[in-house]
Amino acid sequence: MRDGNPLTHFLQEDNRMAYRVKAYTLREESTESGTRYFISFKDGQGKSHELEVSEQFFMEFRQMERRNRNLF
């Protein structure tokens, strides 16, 4: 946890485990008023969640996906 962020530590330490099995789904939805962005995942108890996120968060997450795909 060099930067103090436990998520960064998790992603660095458990990189392979975290990305070999995709634990989330990214989805875009086009509407008359614009595009909406969502991330879906299951929590530790197996309960499904879907969150609407900002375009910036969504695009950063996609970039992270692409970078991690190149590691394998």
PDB file of N, CA and C in Angstrom:
ATOM      1  N   MET A   1       0.836  -1.190   0.000  1.00  0.00           N
ATOM      2  CA  MET A   1       0.000   0.000   0.000  1.00  0.00           C
ATOM      3  C   MET A   1       0.875   1.247   0.000  1.00  0.00           C
ATOM      4  N   ARG A   2       1.728   1.353  -0.955  1.00  0.00           N
ATOM      5  CA  ARG A   2       2.643   2.492  -0.998  1.00  0.00           C
ATOM      6  C   ARG A   2       1.916   3.821  -1.056  1.00  0.00           C
ATOM      7  N   ASP A   3       0.821   3.896  -1.812  1.00  0.00           N
ATOM      8  CA  ASP A   3       0.105   5.164  -1.916  1.00  0.00           C
ATOM      9  C   ASP A   3      -1.021   5.283  -0.890  1.00  0.00           C
ATOM     10  N   GLY A   4      -1.138   4.308   0.016  1.00  0.00           N
ATOM     11  CA  GLY A   4      -2.170   4.357   1.048  1.00  0.00           C
ATOM     12  C   GLY A   4      -3.526   3.860   0.594  1.00  0.00           C
ATOM     13  N   ASN A   5      -3.664   3.486  -0.657  1.00  0.00           N
ATOM     14  CA  ASN A   5      -4.943   3.033  -1.185  1.00  0.00           C
ATOM     15  C   ASN A   5      -4.974   1.508  -1.200  1.00  0.00           C
ATOM     16  N   PRO A   6      -5.855   0.884  -0.385  1.00  0.00           N
ATOM     17  CA  PRO A   6      -5.898  -0.583  -0.343  1.00  0.00           C
ATOM     18  C   PRO A   6      -6.271  -1.203  -1.686  1.00  0.00           C
ATOM     19  N   LEU A   7      -7.059  -0.514  -2.522  1.00  0.00           N
ATOM     20  CA  LEU A   7      -7.431  -1.048  -3.825  1.00  0.00           C
ATOM     21  C   LEU A   7      -6.201  -1.157  -4.721  1.00  0.00           C
ATOM     22  N   THR A   8      -5.347  -0.143  -4.695  1.00  0.00           N
ATOM     23  CA  THR A   8      -4.122  -0.190  -5.486  1.00  0.00           C
ATOM     24  C   THR A   8      -3.284  -1.384  -5.054  1.00  0.00           C
ATOM     25  N   HIS A   9      -3.171  -1.584  -3.762  1.00  0.00           N
ATOM     26  CA  HIS A   9      -2.404  -2.715  -3.236  1.00  0.00           C
ATOM     27  C   HIS A   9      -3.000  -4.025  -3.734  1.00  0.00           C
ATOM     28  N   PHE A  10      -4.315  -4.158  -3.644  1.00  0.00           N
ATOM     29  CA  PHE A  10      -4.987  -5.378  -4.111  1.00  0.00           C
ATOM     30  C   PHE A  10      -4.700  -5.623  -5.583  1.00  0.00           C
ATOM     31  N   LEU A  11      -4.828  -4.598  -6.399  1.00  0.00           N
ATOM     32  CA  LEU A  11      -4.632  -4.769  -7.832  1.00  0.00           C
ATOM     33  C   LEU A  11      -3.185  -5.111  -8.152  1.00  0.00           C
ATOM     34  N   GLN A  12      -2.251  -4.540  -7.407  1.00  0.00           N
ATOM     35  CA  GLN A  12      -0.848  -4.848  -7.653  1.00  0.00           C
ATOM     36  C   GLN A  12      -0.503  -6.246  -7.180  1.00  0.00           C
ATOM     37  N   GLU A  13      -0.953  -6.624  -6.005  1.00  0.00           N
ATOM     38  CA  GLU A  13      -0.591  -7.906  -5.419  1.00  0.00           C
ATOM     39  C   GLU A  13      -1.337  -9.070  -6.049  1.00  0.00           C
ATOM     40  N   ASP A  14      -2.604  -8.876  -6.377  1.00  0.00           N
ATOM     41  CA  ASP A  14      -3.438  -9.969  -6.867  1.00  0.00           C
ATOM     42  C   ASP A  14      -3.874  -9.738  -8.303  1.00  0.00           C
ATOM     43  N   ASN A  15      -3.027  -9.084  -9.077  1.00  0.00           N
ATOM     44  CA  ASN A  15      -3.335  -8.704 -10.442  1.00  0.00           C
ATOM     45  C   ASN A  15      -3.894  -9.866 -11.258  1.00  0.00           C
ATOM     46  N   ARG A  16      -3.220 -10.984 -11.276  1.00  0.00           N
ATOM     47  CA  ARG A  16      -3.672 -12.095 -12.099  1.00  0.00           C
ATOM     48  C   ARG A  16      -5.011 -12.621 -11.644  1.00  0.00           C
ATOM     49  N   MET A  17      -5.174 -12.808 -10.354  1.00  0.00           N
ATOM     50  CA  MET A  17      -6.432 -13.324  -9.836  1.00  0.00           C
ATOM     51  C   MET A  17      -7.586 -12.357 -10.132  1.00  0.00           C
ATOM     52  N   ALA A  18      -7.344 -11.077 -10.005  1.00  0.00           N
ATOM     53  CA  ALA A  18      -8.404 -10.101 -10.164  1.00  0.00           C
ATOM     54  C   ALA A  18      -8.908 -10.001 -11.595  1.00  0.00           C
ATOM     55  N   TYR A  19      -8.059 -10.286 -12.595  1.00  0.00           N
ATOM     56  CA  TYR A  19      -8.462 -10.034 -13.963  1.00  0.00           C
ATOM     57  C   TYR A  19      -8.634 -11.271 -14.824  1.00  0.00           C
ATOM     58  N   ARG A  20      -8.185 -12.420 -14.396  1.00  0.00           N
ATOM     59  CA  ARG A  20      -8.398 -13.609 -15.216  1.00  0.00           C
ATOM     60  C   ARG A  20      -9.875 -13.962 -15.280  1.00  0.00           C
ATOM     61  N   VAL A  21     -10.541 -13.849 -14.172  1.00  0.00           N
ATOM     62  CA  VAL A  21     -11.982 -14.047 -14.135  1.00  0.00           C
ATOM     63  C   VAL A  21     -12.578 -12.664 -13.958  1.00  0.00           C
ATOM     64  N   LYS A  22     -13.260 -12.199 -14.956  1.00  0.00           N
ATOM     65  CA  LYS A  22     -13.806 -10.848 -14.917  1.00  0.00           C
ATOM     66  C   LYS A  22     -14.915 -10.788 -13.874  1.00  0.00           C
ATOM     67  N   ALA A  23     -14.716  -9.968 -12.873  1.00  0.00           N
ATOM     68  CA  ALA A  23     -15.651  -9.878 -11.755  1.00  0.00           C
ATOM     69  C   ALA A  23     -16.658  -8.740 -11.934  1.00  0.00           C
ATOM     70  N   TYR A  24     -16.693  -8.163 -13.116  1.00  0.00           N
ATOM     71  CA  TYR A  24     -17.558  -7.013 -13.355  1.00  0.00           C
ATOM     72  C   TYR A  24     -17.954  -6.975 -14.822  1.00  0.00           C
ATOM     73  N   THR A  25     -18.949  -6.158 -15.131  1.00  0.00           N
ATOM     74  CA  THR A  25     -19.369  -5.929 -16.508  1.00  0.00           C
ATOM     75  C   THR A  25     -19.529  -4.430 -16.712  1.00  0.00           C
ATOM     76  N   LEU A  26     -18.998  -3.922 -17.802  1.00  0.00           N
ATOM     77  CA  LEU A  26     -19.173  -2.522 -18.182  1.00  0.00           C
ATOM     78  C   LEU A  26     -20.265  -2.450 -19.232  1.00  0.00           C
ATOM     79  N   ARG A  27     -21.112  -1.417 -19.116  1.00  0.00           N
ATOM     80  CA  ARG A  27     -22.217  -1.290 -20.068  1.00  0.00           C
ATOM     81  C   ARG A  27     -22.479   0.180 -20.357  1.00  0.00           C
ATOM     82  N   GLU A  28     -22.713   0.474 -21.632  1.00  0.00           N
ATOM     83  CA  GLU A  28     -23.118   1.817 -22.056  1.00  0.00           C
ATOM     84  C   GLU A  28     -24.566   1.743 -22.524  1.00  0.00           C
ATOM     85  N   GLU A  29     -25.328   2.778 -22.230  1.00  0.00           N
ATOM     86  CA  GLU A  29     -26.726   2.830 -22.645  1.00  0.00           C
ATOM     87  C   GLU A  29     -26.981   4.181 -23.310  1.00  0.00           C
ATOM     88  N   SER A  30     -27.391   4.153 -24.571  1.00  0.00           N
ATOM     89  CA  SER A  30     -27.685   5.392 -25.288  1.00  0.00           C
ATOM     90  C   SER A  30     -29.153   5.754 -25.083  1.00  0.00           C
ATOM     91  N   THR A  31     -29.373   7.010 -24.724  1.00  0.00           N
ATOM     92  CA  THR A  31     -30.728   7.523 -24.538  1.00  0.00           C
ATOM     93  C   THR A  31     -30.859   8.811 -25.340  1.00  0.00           C
ATOM     94  N   GLU A  32     -32.071   9.329 -25.406  1.00  0.00           N
ATOM     95  CA  GLU A  32     -32.280  10.590 -26.123  1.00  0.00           C
ATOM     96  C   GLU A  32     -31.495  11.734 -25.484  1.00  0.00           C
ATOM     97  N   SER A  33     -31.296  11.651 -24.179  1.00  0.00           N
ATOM     98  CA  SER A  33     -30.596  12.731 -23.479  1.00  0.00           C
ATOM     99  C   SER A  33     -29.086  12.519 -23.404  1.00  0.00           C
ATOM    100  N   GLY A  34     -28.575  11.427 -23.977  1.00  0.00           N
ATOM    101  CA  GLY A  34     -27.134  11.186 -23.972  1.00  0.00           C
ATOM    102  C   GLY A  34     -26.805   9.749 -23.608  1.00  0.00           C
ATOM    103  N   THR A  35     -25.561   9.504 -23.331  1.00  0.00           N
ATOM    104  CA  THR A  35     -25.093   8.162 -23.001  1.00  0.00           C
ATOM    105  C   THR A  35     -24.948   8.032 -21.493  1.00  0.00           C
ATOM    106  N   ARG A  36     -25.389   6.888 -20.971  1.00  0.00           N
ATOM    107  CA  ARG A  36     -25.229   6.576 -19.546  1.00  0.00           C
ATOM    108  C   ARG A  36     -24.254   5.412 -19.431  1.00  0.00           C
ATOM    109  N   TYR A  37     -23.515   5.382 -18.336  1.00  0.00           N
ATOM    110  CA  TYR A  37     -22.463   4.390 -18.147  1.00  0.00           C
ATOM    111  C   TYR A  37     -22.696   3.616 -16.850  1.00  0.00           C
ATOM    112  N   PHE A  38     -22.503   2.285 -16.914  1.00  0.00           N
ATOM    113  CA  PHE A  38     -22.782   1.424 -15.774  1.00  0.00           C
ATOM    114  C   PHE A  38     -21.671   0.412 -15.559  1.00  0.00           C
ATOM    115  N   ILE A  39     -21.478   0.010 -14.313  1.00  0.00           N
ATOM    116  CA  ILE A  39     -20.618  -1.113 -13.972  1.00  0.00           C
ATOM    117  C   ILE A  39     -21.451  -2.041 -13.087  1.00  0.00           C
ATOM    118  N   SER A  40     -21.436  -3.334 -13.413  1.00  0.00           N
ATOM    119  CA  SER A  40     -22.175  -4.343 -12.653  1.00  0.00           C
ATOM    120  C   SER A  40     -21.175  -5.316 -12.047  1.00  0.00           C
ATOM    121  N   PHE A  41     -21.481  -5.780 -10.849  1.00  0.00           N
ATOM    122  CA  PHE A  41     -20.605  -6.728 -10.161  1.00  0.00           C
ATOM    123  C   PHE A  41     -21.380  -7.441  -9.071  1.00  0.00           C
ATOM    124  N   LYS A  42     -20.802  -8.507  -8.540  1.00  0.00           N
ATOM    125  CA  LYS A  42     -21.366  -9.213  -7.397  1.00  0.00           C
ATOM    126  C   LYS A  42     -20.482  -8.941  -6.193  1.00  0.00           C
ATOM    127  N   ASP A  43     -21.125  -8.717  -5.044  1.00  0.00           N
ATOM    128  CA  ASP A  43     -20.356  -8.481  -3.823  1.00  0.00           C
ATOM    129  C   ASP A  43     -19.916  -9.804  -3.204  1.00  0.00           C
ATOM    130  N   GLY A  44     -19.292  -9.746  -2.067  1.00  0.00           N
ATOM    131  CA  GLY A  44     -18.765 -10.927  -1.400  1.00  0.00           C
ATOM    132  C   GLY A  44     -19.816 -11.939  -1.004  1.00  0.00           C
ATOM    133  N   GLN A  45     -21.068 -11.502  -0.898  1.00  0.00           N
ATOM    134  CA  GLN A  45     -22.167 -12.414  -0.564  1.00  0.00           C
ATOM    135  C   GLN A  45     -22.890 -12.909  -1.813  1.00  0.00           C
ATOM    136  N   GLY A  46     -22.391 -12.557  -2.982  1.00  0.00           N
ATOM    137  CA  GLY A  46     -22.998 -13.004  -4.231  1.00  0.00           C
ATOM    138  C   GLY A  46     -24.172 -12.164  -4.693  1.00  0.00           C
ATOM    139  N   LYS A  47     -24.426 -11.036  -4.035  1.00  0.00           N
ATOM    140  CA  LYS A  47     -25.526 -10.141  -4.415  1.00  0.00           C
ATOM    141  C   LYS A  47     -25.082  -9.248  -5.571  1.00  0.00           C
ATOM    142  N   SER A  48     -25.907  -9.191  -6.614  1.00  0.00           N
ATOM    143  CA  SER A  48     -25.579  -8.377  -7.797  1.00  0.00           C
ATOM    144  C   SER A  48     -25.862  -6.905  -7.546  1.00  0.00           C
ATOM    145  N   HIS A  49     -24.999  -6.065  -8.098  1.00  0.00           N
ATOM    146  CA  HIS A  49     -25.149  -4.608  -8.005  1.00  0.00           C
ATOM    147  C   HIS A  49     -24.861  -4.008  -9.373  1.00  0.00           C
ATOM    148  N   GLU A  50     -25.559  -2.933  -9.680  1.00  0.00           N
ATOM    149  CA  GLU A  50     -25.256  -2.166 -10.891  1.00  0.00           C
ATOM    150  C   GLU A  50     -25.229  -0.702 -10.488  1.00  0.00           C
ATOM    151  N   LEU A  51     -24.117  -0.051 -10.798  1.00  0.00           N
ATOM    152  CA  LEU A  51     -23.944   1.348 -10.452  1.00  0.00           C
ATOM    153  C   LEU A  51     -23.818   2.183 -11.705  1.00  0.00           C
ATOM    154  N   GLU A  52     -24.501   3.312 -11.719  1.00  0.00           N
ATOM    155  CA  GLU A  52     -24.270   4.264 -12.802  1.00  0.00           C
ATOM    156  C   GLU A  52     -23.049   5.082 -12.419  1.00  0.00           C
ATOM    157  N   VAL A  53     -22.110   5.222 -13.357  1.00  0.00           N
ATOM    158  CA  VAL A  53     -20.857   5.924 -13.092  1.00  0.00           C
ATOM    159  C   VAL A  53     -20.681   7.042 -14.110  1.00  0.00           C
ATOM    160  N   SER A  54     -19.762   7.931 -13.809  1.00  0.00           N
ATOM    161  CA  SER A  54     -19.479   9.031 -14.731  1.00  0.00           C
ATOM    162  C   SER A  54     -18.760   8.510 -15.976  1.00  0.00           C
ATOM    163  N   GLU A  55     -18.833   9.289 -17.037  1.00  0.00           N
ATOM    164  CA  GLU A  55     -18.125   8.919 -18.257  1.00  0.00           C
ATOM    165  C   GLU A  55     -16.619   8.815 -17.991  1.00  0.00           C
ATOM    166  N   GLN A  56     -16.081   9.733 -17.187  1.00  0.00           N
ATOM    167  CA  GLN A  56     -14.650   9.724 -16.880  1.00  0.00           C
ATOM    168  C   GLN A  56     -14.262   8.431 -16.152  1.00  0.00           C
ATOM    169  N   PHE A  57     -15.051   8.018 -15.152  1.00  0.00           N
ATOM    170  CA  PHE A  57     -14.764   6.777 -14.425  1.00  0.00           C
ATOM    171  C   PHE A  57     -14.816   5.588 -15.375  1.00  0.00           C
ATOM    172  N   PHE A  58     -15.854   5.540 -16.194  1.00  0.00           N
ATOM    173  CA  PHE A  58     -16.045   4.449 -17.142  1.00  0.00           C
ATOM    174  C   PHE A  58     -14.851   4.331 -18.089  1.00  0.00           C
ATOM    175  N   MET A  59     -14.406   5.455 -18.647  1.00  0.00           N
ATOM    176  CA  MET A  59     -13.292   5.449 -19.594  1.00  0.00           C
ATOM    177  C   MET A  59     -11.983   5.060 -18.906  1.00  0.00           C
ATOM    178  N   GLU A  60     -11.775   5.521 -17.687  1.00  0.00           N
ATOM    179  CA  GLU A  60     -10.574   5.132 -16.935  1.00  0.00           C
ATOM    180  C   GLU A  60     -10.583   3.632 -16.657  1.00  0.00           C
ATOM    181  N   PHE A  61     -11.735   3.095 -16.324  1.00  0.00           N
ATOM    182  CA  PHE A  61     -11.853   1.667 -16.050  1.00  0.00           C
ATOM    183  C   PHE A  61     -11.548   0.865 -17.313  1.00  0.00           C
ATOM    184  N   ARG A  62     -12.040   1.326 -18.457  1.00  0.00           N
ATOM    185  CA  ARG A  62     -11.742   0.646 -19.725  1.00  0.00           C
ATOM    186  C   ARG A  62     -10.256   0.681 -20.042  1.00  0.00           C
ATOM    187  N   GLN A  63      -9.610   1.818 -19.782  1.00  0.00           N
ATOM    188  CA  GLN A  63      -8.163   1.918 -20.006  1.00  0.00           C
ATOM    189  C   GLN A  63      -7.421   0.941 -19.103  1.00  0.00           C
ATOM    190  N   MET A  64      -7.859   0.828 -17.853  1.00  0.00           N
ATOM    191  CA  MET A  64      -7.246  -0.112 -16.921  1.00  0.00           C
ATOM    192  C   MET A  64      -7.400  -1.540 -17.446  1.00  0.00           C
ATOM    193  N   GLU A  65      -8.576  -1.856 -17.973  1.00  0.00           N
ATOM    194  CA  GLU A  65      -8.817  -3.174 -18.565  1.00  0.00           C
ATOM    195  C   GLU A  65      -7.831  -3.465 -19.686  1.00  0.00           C
ATOM    196  N   ARG A  66      -7.656  -2.507 -20.576  1.00  0.00           N
ATOM    197  CA  ARG A  66      -6.753  -2.686 -21.713  1.00  0.00           C
ATOM    198  C   ARG A  66      -5.307  -2.865 -21.259  1.00  0.00           C
ATOM    199  N   ARG A  67      -4.886  -2.065 -20.296  1.00  0.00           N
ATOM    200  CA  ARG A  67      -3.518  -2.201 -19.770  1.00  0.00           C
ATOM    201  C   ARG A  67      -3.323  -3.579 -19.153  1.00  0.00           C
ATOM    202  N   ASN A  68      -4.278  -4.043 -18.378  1.00  0.00           N
ATOM    203  CA  ASN A  68      -4.153  -5.331 -17.709  1.00  0.00           C
ATOM    204  C   ASN A  68      -4.202  -6.498 -18.700  1.00  0.00           C
ATOM    205  N   ARG A  69      -4.958  -6.374 -19.761  1.00  0.00           N
ATOM    206  CA  ARG A  69      -4.992  -7.414 -20.787  1.00  0.00           C
ATOM    207  C   ARG A  69      -3.625  -7.592 -21.431  1.00  0.00           C
ATOM    208  N   ASN A  70      -2.899  -6.496 -21.568  1.00  0.00           N
ATOM    209  CA  ASN A  70      -1.574  -6.544 -22.177  1.00  0.00           C
ATOM    210  C   ASN A  70      -0.529  -7.185 -21.266  1.00  0.00           C
ATOM    211  N   LEU A  71      -0.847  -7.359 -19.996  1.00  0.00           N
ATOM    212  CA  LEU A  71       0.096  -7.970 -19.053  1.00  0.00           C
ATOM    213  C   LEU A  71       0.127  -9.484 -19.164  1.00  0.00           C
ATOM    214  N   PHE A  72      -0.907 -10.090 -19.747  1.00  0.00           N
ATOM    215  CA  PHE A  72      -0.994 -11.556 -19.779  1.00  0.00           C
ATOM    216  C   PHE A  72      -0.513 -12.119 -21.083  1.00  0.00           C
TER     217      PHE A  72
END
